[in-house]
């Protein structure tokens, strides 16, 4: 999603960047990946479609509702 990363031994340096293509479709393959993608999507322009958000229910109760209460625009839709 546009960040630059490099490791220095046990330290990972992450520099936020501008997304190459705003409004991307991405997939979270586990709980932490899905949560990270949701948070990253909040910082870029355009609509981001995140697949794999069913993992979020295992660790984050009503994450979409909590983020919406803070001003995020989140629309959860079932996909086929």
Protein backbone atom coordinates (compact mmCIF):
# COMPACT_ATOMS: atom_id res chain seq x y z
CA UNK A 1 0.00 0.00 0.00
CA UNK A 2 2.91 2.30 -0.69
CA UNK A 3 5.09 1.99 2.42
CA UNK A 4 8.83 1.45 2.29
CA UNK A 5 10.36 -1.11 4.67
CA UNK A 6 13.84 -2.31 5.49
CA UNK A 7 15.22 -4.40 8.31
CA UNK A 8 18.22 -3.57 10.44
CA UNK A 9 18.86 -6.70 12.48
CA UNK A 10 15.88 -7.24 14.78
CA UNK A 11 14.39 -3.81 13.89
CA UNK A 12 11.98 -3.22 11.02
CA UNK A 13 11.88 0.37 9.76
CA UNK A 14 8.61 1.36 8.08
CA UNK A 15 8.23 4.64 6.23
CA UNK A 16 4.65 5.43 5.25
CA UNK A 17 4.23 6.30 1.62
CA UNK A 18 1.58 7.23 -0.82
CA UNK A 19 -0.37 4.30 -2.18
CA UNK A 20 0.60 3.50 -5.74
CA UNK A 21 -3.04 3.00 -6.66
CA UNK A 22 -5.67 4.45 -4.34
CA UNK A 23 -8.74 2.29 -4.05
CA UNK A 24 -7.08 -1.12 -4.21
CA UNK A 25 -8.48 -4.55 -3.42
CA UNK A 26 -6.36 -6.34 -0.82
CA UNK A 27 -6.68 -9.54 1.23
CA UNK A 28 -5.99 -10.20 4.90
CA UNK A 29 -5.11 -13.86 5.35
CA UNK A 30 -5.22 -13.82 9.15
CA UNK A 31 -6.37 -11.70 12.07
CA UNK A 32 -3.36 -9.39 12.29
CA UNK A 33 -3.02 -8.95 8.53
CA UNK A 34 -6.69 -8.01 8.15
CA UNK A 35 -6.51 -5.52 11.05
CA UNK A 36 -3.36 -3.96 9.61
CA UNK A 37 -4.97 -3.56 6.19
CA UNK A 38 -8.04 -1.90 7.73
CA UNK A 39 -5.86 0.63 9.56
CA UNK A 40 -3.67 1.25 6.50
CA UNK A 41 -6.74 1.81 4.33
CA UNK A 42 -7.87 4.59 6.65
CA UNK A 43 -4.80 6.58 5.67
CA UNK A 44 -5.17 6.54 1.88
CA UNK A 45 -7.53 8.24 -0.55
CA UNK A 46 -10.18 6.32 -2.40
CA UNK A 47 -12.14 3.21 -1.57
CA UNK A 48 -10.18 0.15 -0.47
CA UNK A 49 -11.84 -3.25 -0.66
CA UNK A 50 -10.47 -5.60 1.99
CA UNK A 51 -11.16 -9.29 1.60
CA UNK A 52 -10.66 -11.70 4.48
CA UNK A 53 -12.17 -9.48 7.16
CA UNK A 54 -14.02 -12.47 8.61
CA UNK A 55 -10.81 -13.04 10.59
CA UNK A 56 -11.43 -9.80 12.51
CA UNK A 57 -14.36 -11.27 14.42
CA UNK A 58 -11.97 -13.55 16.30
CA UNK A 59 -10.04 -10.75 17.94
CA UNK A 60 -11.67 -7.38 17.51
CA UNK A 61 -15.26 -7.00 18.65
CA UNK A 62 -17.09 -4.57 16.34
CA UNK A 63 -13.91 -2.99 14.91
CA UNK A 64 -15.90 -1.36 12.10
CA UNK A 65 -18.33 0.17 14.61
CA UNK A 66 -15.52 1.45 16.80
CA UNK A 67 -13.68 3.03 13.87
CA UNK A 68 -16.91 4.51 12.51
CA UNK A 69 -17.54 6.16 15.90
CA UNK A 70 -14.14 7.84 15.47
CA UNK A 71 -15.07 9.19 12.04
CA UNK A 72 -14.06 6.40 9.66
CA UNK A 73 -16.29 5.62 6.69
CA UNK A 74 -16.67 1.83 6.65
CA UNK A 75 -19.20 -0.14 4.63
CA UNK A 76 -19.29 -3.88 5.29
CA UNK A 77 -20.79 -5.93 2.49
CA UNK A 78 -21.09 -9.63 1.99
CA UNK A 79 -19.37 -10.83 -1.15
CA UNK A 80 -19.98 -13.97 -3.13
